[in-house]
Amino acid sequence: MLHVSPSSFILKPAFAKIVCEPNWKWRKRDKALENYDLFYVWSGEGNVVLNNQPFQVSKGSCFLFRKGDHPTATHNPQRPLVLTYIHFDIDEPVMEVPKSYRVLDNTLDFEYMLSRYVRLFLVNAYGAEEEARLILKQLLIYLLREEREVPREKKVSNQLVEVIHEVANYVLQHPGLPHKVEDLAARAGLSARYFSIKFKEIIGMSVQTYIIKCRIDRAQHLLLHAGMNVTEVADALGYRDIFFFSRQFKQYTGKSPSEIR
């Protein structure tokens, strides 16, 4: 499905986000499914049987039922399933199809796309079908990508990587601010210790080393291209001691600021 054109998706009117009633059951039908059905669990507890194979399901459980499948399902009335289903077909040959079942760890982006898909038709948005086809392909690419990623226990989650990079970019864009590890950790929503460990793991250097590197890199740019003298650059980057600035600059570049200037 990676190389399938979005225009080849045939959208079906069977789609919704629902809260299942206490006595809800998906009973086995005589006829098998006639199209694809993307089936996602937002919350609750239940059981799905797909072609005689049972699965316990809860938040993050995701199925891609295929033509010819015979799914059934039940749930715990005390913890009813909240789910989204989207039926569709494809009118061109398909080479790559996501696995029938997986549990998603990082659900934020996937759930946003599901909600967006349903909402397009609820509000009768302009260009709804065109956008829905694009979203549907994004959903399927997401599932294919999940299958090819390193298992969770061997990687830092994508969400954490994004958060750390956002903080690193913030430091890069504001090298003159008096950054403290505690403040940056709070920005990431992490403890200072855990933030420091993960920052070094992801960025490749300690938080303090990265802060200094950003300042010195910016200092070189200002000295070479902004027409500023050493004192002005030191002040712009938060240094109150020009001699300390000069020592640190030489430590990282091998030259004094005046040599660069």
C-alpha atoms as a PDB file:
ATOM      1  CA  MET A   1       0.000   0.000   0.000  1.00  0.00           C
ATOM      2  CA  LEU A   2       3.047   2.253   0.177  1.00  0.00           C
ATOM      3  CA  HIS A   3       3.068   2.872  -3.580  1.00  0.00           C
ATOM      4  CA  VAL A   4      -0.680   2.876  -4.127  1.00  0.00           C
ATOM      5  CA  SER A   5      -2.062   6.145  -5.447  1.00  0.00           C
ATOM      6  CA  PRO A   6      -4.504   7.889  -3.066  1.00  0.00           C
ATOM      7  CA  SER A   7      -6.918   8.231  -5.967  1.00  0.00           C
ATOM      8  CA  SER A   8      -7.212   4.426  -6.090  1.00  0.00           C
ATOM      9  CA  PHE A   9      -8.809   4.259  -2.640  1.00  0.00           C
ATOM     10  CA  ILE A  10     -12.525   3.577  -2.805  1.00  0.00           C
ATOM     11  CA  LEU A  11     -14.128   5.057   0.296  1.00  0.00           C
ATOM     12  CA  LYS A  12     -17.079   3.218   1.786  1.00  0.00           C
ATOM     13  CA  PRO A  13     -19.938   4.810   3.751  1.00  0.00           C
ATOM     14  CA  ALA A  14     -19.262   2.412   6.655  1.00  0.00           C
ATOM     15  CA  PHE A  15     -17.066   4.407   9.058  1.00  0.00           C
ATOM     16  CA  ALA A  16     -17.540   5.833  12.551  1.00  0.00           C
ATOM     17  CA  LYS A  17     -16.156   6.332  16.023  1.00  0.00           C
ATOM     18  CA  ILE A  18     -18.482   4.585  18.475  1.00  0.00           C
ATOM     19  CA  VAL A  19     -18.888   3.721  22.138  1.00  0.00           C
ATOM     20  CA  CYS A  20     -20.131   0.136  22.211  1.00  0.00           C
ATOM     21  CA  GLU A  21     -23.282  -0.590  24.202  1.00  0.00           C
ATOM     22  CA  PRO A  22     -22.946  -2.962  27.208  1.00  0.00           C
ATOM     23  CA  ASN A  23     -24.559  -5.850  25.288  1.00  0.00           C
ATOM     24  CA  TRP A  24     -22.594  -5.167  22.077  1.00  0.00           C
ATOM     25  CA  LYS A  25     -21.285  -8.139  20.102  1.00  0.00           C
ATOM     26  CA  TRP A  26     -19.858  -8.489  16.626  1.00  0.00           C
ATOM     27  CA  ARG A  27     -21.332 -11.804  15.578  1.00  0.00           C
ATOM     28  CA  LYS A  28     -19.864 -14.026  12.896  1.00  0.00           C
ATOM     29  CA  ARG A  29     -21.612 -13.605   9.600  1.00  0.00           C
ATOM     30  CA  ASP A  30     -22.207 -16.136   6.867  1.00  0.00           C
ATOM     31  CA  LYS A  31     -20.503 -13.935   4.321  1.00  0.00           C
ATOM     32  CA  ALA A  32     -16.848 -12.915   4.736  1.00  0.00           C
ATOM     33  CA  LEU A  33     -15.780  -9.283   4.601  1.00  0.00           C
ATOM     34  CA  GLU A  34     -15.981  -7.862   1.103  1.00  0.00           C
ATOM     35  CA  ASN A  35     -13.486  -5.029   1.607  1.00  0.00           C
ATOM     36  CA  TYR A  36     -10.784  -3.735   3.934  1.00  0.00           C
ATOM     37  CA  ASP A  37     -11.754  -2.611   7.457  1.00  0.00           C
ATOM     38  CA  LEU A  38      -9.363  -0.533   9.564  1.00  0.00           C
ATOM     39  CA  PHE A  39     -10.459  -1.221  13.147  1.00  0.00           C
ATOM     40  CA  TYR A  40      -8.887   0.673  16.077  1.00  0.00           C
ATOM     41  CA  VAL A  41      -9.550   0.545  19.837  1.00  0.00           C
ATOM     42  CA  TRP A  42      -9.390   3.864  21.699  1.00  0.00           C
ATOM     43  CA  SER A  43     -10.188   2.434  25.134  1.00  0.00           C
ATOM     44  CA  GLY A  44     -11.961  -0.392  26.929  1.00  0.00           C
ATOM     45  CA  GLU A  45     -11.358  -4.134  27.079  1.00  0.00           C
ATOM     46  CA  GLY A  46     -12.537  -6.882  24.809  1.00  0.00           C
ATOM     47  CA  ASN A  47     -11.779  -9.896  22.675  1.00  0.00           C
ATOM     48  CA  VAL A  48     -11.555 -10.196  18.925  1.00  0.00           C
ATOM     49  CA  VAL A  49     -11.434 -13.502  17.079  1.00  0.00           C
ATOM     50  CA  LEU A  50     -10.010 -13.248  13.578  1.00  0.00           C
ATOM     51  CA  ASN A  51     -10.250 -16.366  11.450  1.00  0.00           C
ATOM     52  CA  ASN A  52     -10.371 -18.502  14.630  1.00  0.00           C
ATOM     53  CA  GLN A  53      -7.379 -16.732  16.234  1.00  0.00           C
ATOM     54  CA  PRO A  54      -8.253 -14.890  19.489  1.00  0.00           C
ATOM     55  CA  PHE A  55      -6.827 -11.498  20.528  1.00  0.00           C
ATOM     56  CA  GLN A  56      -7.311  -9.596  23.786  1.00  0.00           C
ATOM     57  CA  VAL A  57      -7.758  -5.946  22.882  1.00  0.00           C
ATOM     58  CA  SER A  58      -7.450  -2.628  24.670  1.00  0.00           C
ATOM     59  CA  LYS A  59      -6.201   0.898  23.897  1.00  0.00           C
ATOM     60  CA  GLY A  60      -3.905   0.887  20.876  1.00  0.00           C
ATOM     61  CA  SER A  61      -5.123  -2.424  19.436  1.00  0.00           C
ATOM     62  CA  CYS A  62      -5.355  -2.050  15.676  1.00  0.00           C
ATOM     63  CA  PHE A  63      -6.612  -4.471  13.033  1.00  0.00           C
ATOM     64  CA  LEU A  64      -6.622  -4.264   9.282  1.00  0.00           C
ATOM     65  CA  PHE A  65      -9.235  -6.791   8.272  1.00  0.00           C
ATOM     66  CA  ARG A  66      -9.032  -8.004   4.682  1.00  0.00           C
ATOM     67  CA  LYS A  67     -11.418  -9.336   2.095  1.00  0.00           C
ATOM     68  CA  GLY A  68     -12.373 -12.868   3.062  1.00  0.00           C
ATOM     69  CA  ASP A  69     -11.807 -12.395   6.809  1.00  0.00           C
ATOM     70  CA  HIS A  70     -14.337 -13.603   9.388  1.00  0.00           C
ATOM     71  CA  PRO A  71     -13.930 -11.385  12.493  1.00  0.00           C
ATOM     72  CA  THR A  72     -16.056 -11.530  15.632  1.00  0.00           C
ATOM     73  CA  ALA A  73     -15.771  -9.529  18.847  1.00  0.00           C
ATOM     74  CA  THR A  74     -17.107  -9.105  22.375  1.00  0.00           C
ATOM     75  CA  HIS A  75     -16.201  -6.741  25.198  1.00  0.00           C
ATOM     76  CA  ASN A  76     -16.299  -6.167  28.930  1.00  0.00           C
ATOM     77  CA  PRO A  77     -19.556  -4.284  29.690  1.00  0.00           C
ATOM     78  CA  GLN A  78     -17.829  -2.665  32.677  1.00  0.00           C
ATOM     79  CA  ARG A  79     -15.136  -1.312  30.365  1.00  0.00           C
ATOM     80  CA  PRO A  80     -16.894  -0.909  27.018  1.00  0.00           C
ATOM     81  CA  LEU A  81     -14.894  -0.621  23.849  1.00  0.00           C
ATOM     82  CA  VAL A  82     -14.549   2.753  22.167  1.00  0.00           C
ATOM     83  CA  LEU A  83     -13.492   2.152  18.594  1.00  0.00           C
ATOM     84  CA  THR A  84     -13.167   3.548  15.116  1.00  0.00           C
ATOM     85  CA  TYR A  85     -13.761   1.515  11.978  1.00  0.00           C
ATOM     86  CA  ILE A  86     -13.171   2.587   8.390  1.00  0.00           C
ATOM     87  CA  HIS A  87     -14.176   0.400   5.440  1.00  0.00           C
ATOM     88  CA  PHE A  88     -12.458   0.942   2.104  1.00  0.00           C
ATOM     89  CA  ASP A  89     -11.298  -0.778  -1.041  1.00  0.00           C
ATOM     90  CA  ILE A  90      -8.461  -0.275  -3.540  1.00  0.00           C
ATOM     91  CA  ASP A  91      -8.883  -0.513  -7.290  1.00  0.00           C
ATOM     92  CA  GLU A  92      -5.275  -1.291  -8.217  1.00  0.00           C
ATOM     93  CA  PRO A  93      -2.892  -4.156  -7.361  1.00  0.00           C
ATOM     94  CA  VAL A  94      -1.467  -3.962  -3.833  1.00  0.00           C
ATOM     95  CA  MET A  95       2.078  -5.108  -3.071  1.00  0.00           C
ATOM     96  CA  GLU A  96       2.560  -4.230   0.605  1.00  0.00           C
ATOM     97  CA  VAL A  97      -0.232  -4.713   3.124  1.00  0.00           C
ATOM     98  CA  PRO A  98       0.158  -3.998   6.863  1.00  0.00           C
ATOM     99  CA  LYS A  99      -0.142  -6.947   9.227  1.00  0.00           C
ATOM    100  CA  SER A 100      -3.625  -7.917  10.298  1.00  0.00           C
ATOM    101  CA  TYR A 101      -2.990  -6.967  13.940  1.00  0.00           C
ATOM    102  CA  ARG A 102      -0.643  -4.902  16.022  1.00  0.00           C
ATOM    103  CA  VAL A 103      -0.665  -2.821  19.217  1.00  0.00           C
ATOM    104  CA  LEU A 104       0.426   0.791  18.737  1.00  0.00           C
ATOM    105  CA  ASP A 105       2.605   2.294  21.463  1.00  0.00           C
ATOM    106  CA  ASN A 106       2.586   5.921  20.330  1.00  0.00           C
ATOM    107  CA  THR A 107      -1.025   6.558  19.437  1.00  0.00           C
ATOM    108  CA  LEU A 108      -1.235  10.366  19.323  1.00  0.00           C
ATOM    109  CA  ASP A 109      -0.640  10.923  15.594  1.00  0.00           C
ATOM    110  CA  PHE A 110      -2.627   7.856  14.570  1.00  0.00           C
ATOM    111  CA  GLU A 111      -5.628   8.882  16.661  1.00  0.00           C
ATOM    112  CA  TYR A 112      -5.496  12.429  15.307  1.00  0.00           C
ATOM    113  CA  MET A 113      -5.679  11.098  11.744  1.00  0.00           C
ATOM    114  CA  LEU A 114      -8.569   8.783  12.608  1.00  0.00           C
ATOM    115  CA  SER A 115     -10.488  11.654  14.194  1.00  0.00           C
ATOM    116  CA  ARG A 116      -9.759  13.901  11.247  1.00  0.00           C
ATOM    117  CA  TYR A 117     -11.023  11.292   8.784  1.00  0.00           C
ATOM    118  CA  VAL A 118     -14.365  10.896  10.556  1.00  0.00           C
ATOM    119  CA  ARG A 119     -14.815  14.607  11.186  1.00  0.00           C
ATOM    120  CA  LEU A 120     -14.350  15.502   7.493  1.00  0.00           C
ATOM    121  CA  PHE A 121     -17.602  13.736   6.666  1.00  0.00           C
ATOM    122  CA  LEU A 122     -19.484  14.755   9.810  1.00  0.00           C
ATOM    123  CA  VAL A 123     -19.075  18.447   8.944  1.00  0.00           C
ATOM    124  CA  ASN A 124     -19.294  17.843   5.187  1.00  0.00           C
ATOM    125  CA  ALA A 125     -15.993  19.649   4.689  1.00  0.00           C
ATOM    126  CA  TYR A 126     -15.001  20.975   1.289  1.00  0.00           C
ATOM    127  CA  GLY A 127     -12.806  18.394  -0.479  1.00  0.00           C
ATOM    128  CA  ALA A 128     -13.615  15.795   2.169  1.00  0.00           C
ATOM    129  CA  GLU A 129     -13.181  12.746  -0.033  1.00  0.00           C
ATOM    130  CA  GLU A 130      -9.879  13.957  -1.499  1.00  0.00           C
ATOM    131  CA  GLU A 131      -8.430  14.671   1.946  1.00  0.00           C
ATOM    132  CA  ALA A 132      -9.852  11.443   3.369  1.00  0.00           C
ATOM    133  CA  ARG A 133      -8.006   9.410   0.738  1.00  0.00           C
ATOM    134  CA  LEU A 134      -4.752  11.130   1.690  1.00  0.00           C
ATOM    135  CA  ILE A 135      -5.379  10.497   5.390  1.00  0.00           C
ATOM    136  CA  LEU A 136      -6.224   6.859   4.741  1.00  0.00           C
ATOM    137  CA  LYS A 137      -2.929   6.382   2.925  1.00  0.00           C
ATOM    138  CA  GLN A 138      -1.101   8.115   5.790  1.00  0.00           C
ATOM    139  CA  LEU A 139      -2.728   5.735   8.261  1.00  0.00           C
ATOM    140  CA  LEU A 140      -1.591   2.725   6.266  1.00  0.00           C
ATOM    141  CA  ILE A 141       1.937   4.109   5.849  1.00  0.00           C
ATOM    142  CA  TYR A 142       2.015   4.611   9.615  1.00  0.00           C
ATOM    143  CA  LEU A 143       1.225   0.929  10.131  1.00  0.00           C
ATOM    144  CA  LEU A 144       3.835  -0.172   7.583  1.00  0.00           C
ATOM    145  CA  ARG A 145       6.445   2.041   9.254  1.00  0.00           C
ATOM    146  CA  GLU A 146       5.611   0.636  12.678  1.00  0.00           C
ATOM    147  CA  GLU A 147       6.343  -2.865  11.379  1.00  0.00           C
ATOM    148  CA  ARG A 148       9.803  -1.871  10.214  1.00  0.00           C
ATOM    149  CA  GLU A 149      10.952   0.005  13.308  1.00  0.00           C
ATOM    150  CA  VAL A 150      13.190  -1.409  16.013  1.00  0.00           C
ATOM    151  CA  PRO A 151      11.202  -2.973  18.895  1.00  0.00           C
ATOM    152  CA  ARG A 152      10.303  -0.561  21.647  1.00  0.00           C
ATOM    153  CA  GLU A 153      12.631  -2.051  24.251  1.00  0.00           C
ATOM    154  CA  LYS A 154      15.602  -1.366  21.935  1.00  0.00           C
ATOM    155  CA  LYS A 155      14.820   2.231  21.077  1.00  0.00           C
ATOM    156  CA  VAL A 156      13.893   5.553  22.523  1.00  0.00           C
ATOM    157  CA  SER A 157      10.294   6.318  21.592  1.00  0.00           C
ATOM    158  CA  ASN A 158       9.675   8.596  18.626  1.00  0.00           C
ATOM    159  CA  GLN A 159       7.771  10.979  20.831  1.00  0.00           C
ATOM    160  CA  LEU A 160      10.695  11.362  23.229  1.00  0.00           C
ATOM    161  CA  VAL A 161      13.105  11.893  20.340  1.00  0.00           C
ATOM    162  CA  GLU A 162      10.868  14.663  19.001  1.00  0.00           C
ATOM    163  CA  VAL A 163      10.666  16.333  22.411  1.00  0.00           C
ATOM    164  CA  ILE A 164      14.442  16.264  22.888  1.00  0.00           C
ATOM    165  CA  HIS A 165      15.046  17.639  19.407  1.00  0.00           C
ATOM    166  CA  GLU A 166      12.503  20.403  20.036  1.00  0.00           C
ATOM    167  CA  VAL A 167      14.410  21.454  23.156  1.00  0.00           C
ATOM    168  CA  ALA A 168      17.742  21.238  21.321  1.00  0.00           C
ATOM    169  CA  ASN A 169      16.340  23.434  18.557  1.00  0.00           C
ATOM    170  CA  TYR A 170      15.068  25.905  21.156  1.00  0.00           C
ATOM    171  CA  VAL A 171      18.601  26.207  22.569  1.00  0.00           C
ATOM    172  CA  LEU A 172      20.015  26.583  19.058  1.00  0.00           C
ATOM    173  CA  GLN A 173      17.573  29.378  18.246  1.00  0.00           C
ATOM    174  CA  HIS A 174      18.199  31.187  21.560  1.00  0.00           C
ATOM    175  CA  PRO A 175      21.907  30.702  22.357  1.00  0.00           C
ATOM    176  CA  GLY A 176      22.118  33.899  24.412  1.00  0.00           C
ATOM    177  CA  LEU A 177      19.579  32.867  27.045  1.00  0.00           C
ATOM    178  CA  PRO A 178      20.834  31.638  30.445  1.00  0.00           C
ATOM    179  CA  HIS A 179      19.733  28.046  29.863  1.00  0.00           C
ATOM    180  CA  LYS A 180      19.587  25.734  32.856  1.00  0.00           C
ATOM    181  CA  VAL A 181      19.181  21.975  32.709  1.00  0.00           C
ATOM    182  CA  GLU A 182      16.225  22.134  35.108  1.00  0.00           C
ATOM    183  CA  ASP A 183      14.392  24.654  32.918  1.00  0.00           C
ATOM    184  CA  LEU A 184      15.018  22.702  29.717  1.00  0.00           C
ATOM    185  CA  ALA A 185      13.924  19.483  31.400  1.00  0.00           C
ATOM    186  CA  ALA A 186      10.703  21.178  32.512  1.00  0.00           C
ATOM    187  CA  ARG A 187      10.141  22.302  28.929  1.00  0.00           C
ATOM    188  CA  ALA A 188      10.396  18.663  27.886  1.00  0.00           C
ATOM    189  CA  GLY A 189       8.143  17.528  30.750  1.00  0.00           C
ATOM    190  CA  LEU A 190      10.902  15.329  32.193  1.00  0.00           C
ATOM    191  CA  SER A 191      12.962  15.167  35.360  1.00  0.00           C
ATOM    192  CA  ALA A 192      16.372  16.852  35.105  1.00  0.00           C
ATOM    193  CA  ARG A 193      18.230  13.567  35.530  1.00  0.00           C
ATOM    194  CA  TYR A 194      16.225  11.612  32.960  1.00  0.00           C
ATOM    195  CA  PHE A 195      16.313  14.553  30.534  1.00  0.00           C
ATOM    196  CA  SER A 196      20.105  14.785  30.813  1.00  0.00           C
ATOM    197  CA  ILE A 197      20.537  11.071  30.151  1.00  0.00           C
ATOM    198  CA  LYS A 198      18.223  11.016  27.144  1.00  0.00           C
ATOM    199  CA  PHE A 199      19.560  14.297  25.743  1.00  0.00           C
ATOM    200  CA  LYS A 200      23.096  12.884  25.615  1.00  0.00           C
ATOM    201  CA  GLU A 201      21.806   9.606  24.167  1.00  0.00           C
ATOM    202  CA  ILE A 202      19.875  11.349  21.376  1.00  0.00           C
ATOM    203  CA  ILE A 203      21.951  14.474  20.632  1.00  0.00           C
ATOM    204  CA  GLY A 204      25.331  12.873  21.243  1.00  0.00           C
ATOM    205  CA  MET A 205      26.653  15.282  23.857  1.00  0.00           C
ATOM    206  CA  SER A 206      25.739  16.552  27.312  1.00  0.00           C
ATOM    207  CA  VAL A 207      23.240  19.374  27.736  1.00  0.00           C
ATOM    208  CA  GLN A 208      25.910  21.801  28.961  1.00  0.00           C
ATOM    209  CA  THR A 209      28.294  20.934  26.130  1.00  0.00           C
ATOM    210  CA  TYR A 210      25.505  21.466  23.612  1.00  0.00           C
ATOM    211  CA  ILE A 211      24.598  24.859  25.118  1.00  0.00           C
ATOM    212  CA  ILE A 212      28.225  26.002  24.874  1.00  0.00           C
ATOM    213  CA  LYS A 213      28.562  24.650  21.333  1.00  0.00           C
ATOM    214  CA  CYS A 214      25.474  26.588  20.224  1.00  0.00           C
ATOM    215  CA  ARG A 215      26.865  29.787  21.757  1.00  0.00           C
ATOM    216  CA  ILE A 216      30.311  29.386  20.202  1.00  0.00           C
ATOM    217  CA  ASP A 217      28.891  28.474  16.786  1.00  0.00           C
ATOM    218  CA  ARG A 218      26.697  31.567  16.941  1.00  0.00           C
ATOM    219  CA  ALA A 219      29.641  33.672  18.130  1.00  0.00           C
ATOM    220  CA  GLN A 220      31.690  32.620  15.110  1.00  0.00           C
ATOM    221  CA  HIS A 221      28.827  33.586  12.803  1.00  0.00           C
ATOM    222  CA  LEU A 222      28.407  37.011  14.424  1.00  0.00           C
ATOM    223  CA  LEU A 223      32.137  37.732  14.343  1.00  0.00           C
ATOM    224  CA  LEU A 224      32.446  36.759  10.697  1.00  0.00           C
ATOM    225  CA  HIS A 225      29.219  38.076   9.210  1.00  0.00           C
ATOM    226  CA  ALA A 226      27.516  40.598  11.516  1.00  0.00           C
ATOM    227  CA  GLY A 227      30.245  43.192  11.868  1.00  0.00           C
ATOM    228  CA  MET A 228      30.200  42.913  15.663  1.00  0.00           C
ATOM    229  CA  ASN A 229      33.298  43.199  17.833  1.00  0.00           C
ATOM    230  CA  VAL A 230      34.310  40.682  20.511  1.00  0.00           C
ATOM    231  CA  THR A 231      32.706  42.616  23.369  1.00  0.00           C
ATOM    232  CA  GLU A 232      29.401  42.981  21.523  1.00  0.00           C
ATOM    233  CA  VAL A 233      29.303  39.285  20.636  1.00  0.00           C
ATOM    234  CA  ALA A 234      30.099  38.200  24.188  1.00  0.00           C
ATOM    235  CA  ASP A 235      27.349  40.444  25.545  1.00  0.00           C
ATOM    236  CA  ALA A 236      24.818  39.259  22.945  1.00  0.00           C
ATOM    237  CA  LEU A 237      25.434  35.657  23.948  1.00  0.00           C
ATOM    238  CA  GLY A 238      25.061  36.197  27.683  1.00  0.00           C
ATOM    239  CA  TYR A 239      28.716  36.326  28.690  1.00  0.00           C
ATOM    240  CA  ARG A 240      29.383  38.879  31.425  1.00  0.00           C
ATOM    241  CA  ASP A 241      33.110  38.174  31.487  1.00  0.00           C
ATOM    242  CA  ILE A 242      34.823  38.778  28.158  1.00  0.00           C
ATOM    243  CA  PHE A 243      37.951  36.936  29.290  1.00  0.00           C
ATOM    244  CA  PHE A 244      35.914  33.829  30.149  1.00  0.00           C
ATOM    245  CA  PHE A 245      34.218  34.093  26.753  1.00  0.00           C
ATOM    246  CA  SER A 246      37.591  34.297  25.010  1.00  0.00           C
ATOM    247  CA  ARG A 247      38.958  31.266  26.879  1.00  0.00           C
ATOM    248  CA  GLN A 248      35.871  29.200  26.148  1.00  0.00           C
ATOM    249  CA  PHE A 249      35.881  30.284  22.512  1.00  0.00           C
ATOM    250  CA  LYS A 250      39.516  29.233  22.076  1.00  0.00           C
ATOM    251  CA  GLN A 251      38.893  25.963  23.895  1.00  0.00           C
ATOM    252  CA  TYR A 252      36.222  25.019  21.336  1.00  0.00           C
ATOM    253  CA  THR A 253      37.671  26.523  18.150  1.00  0.00           C
ATOM    254  CA  GLY A 254      41.428  26.551  18.742  1.00  0.00           C
ATOM    255  CA  LYS A 255      41.513  30.280  18.001  1.00  0.00           C
ATOM    256  CA  SER A 256      40.776  33.418  19.979  1.00  0.00           C
ATOM    257  CA  PRO A 257      37.773  35.549  19.014  1.00  0.00           C
ATOM    258  CA  SER A 258      40.059  38.348  17.812  1.00  0.00           C
ATOM    259  CA  GLU A 259      41.725  35.945  15.369  1.00  0.00           C
ATOM    260  CA  ILE A 260      38.340  35.069  13.881  1.00  0.00           C
ATOM    261  CA  ARG A 261      37.359  38.733  13.729  1.00  0.00           C
END
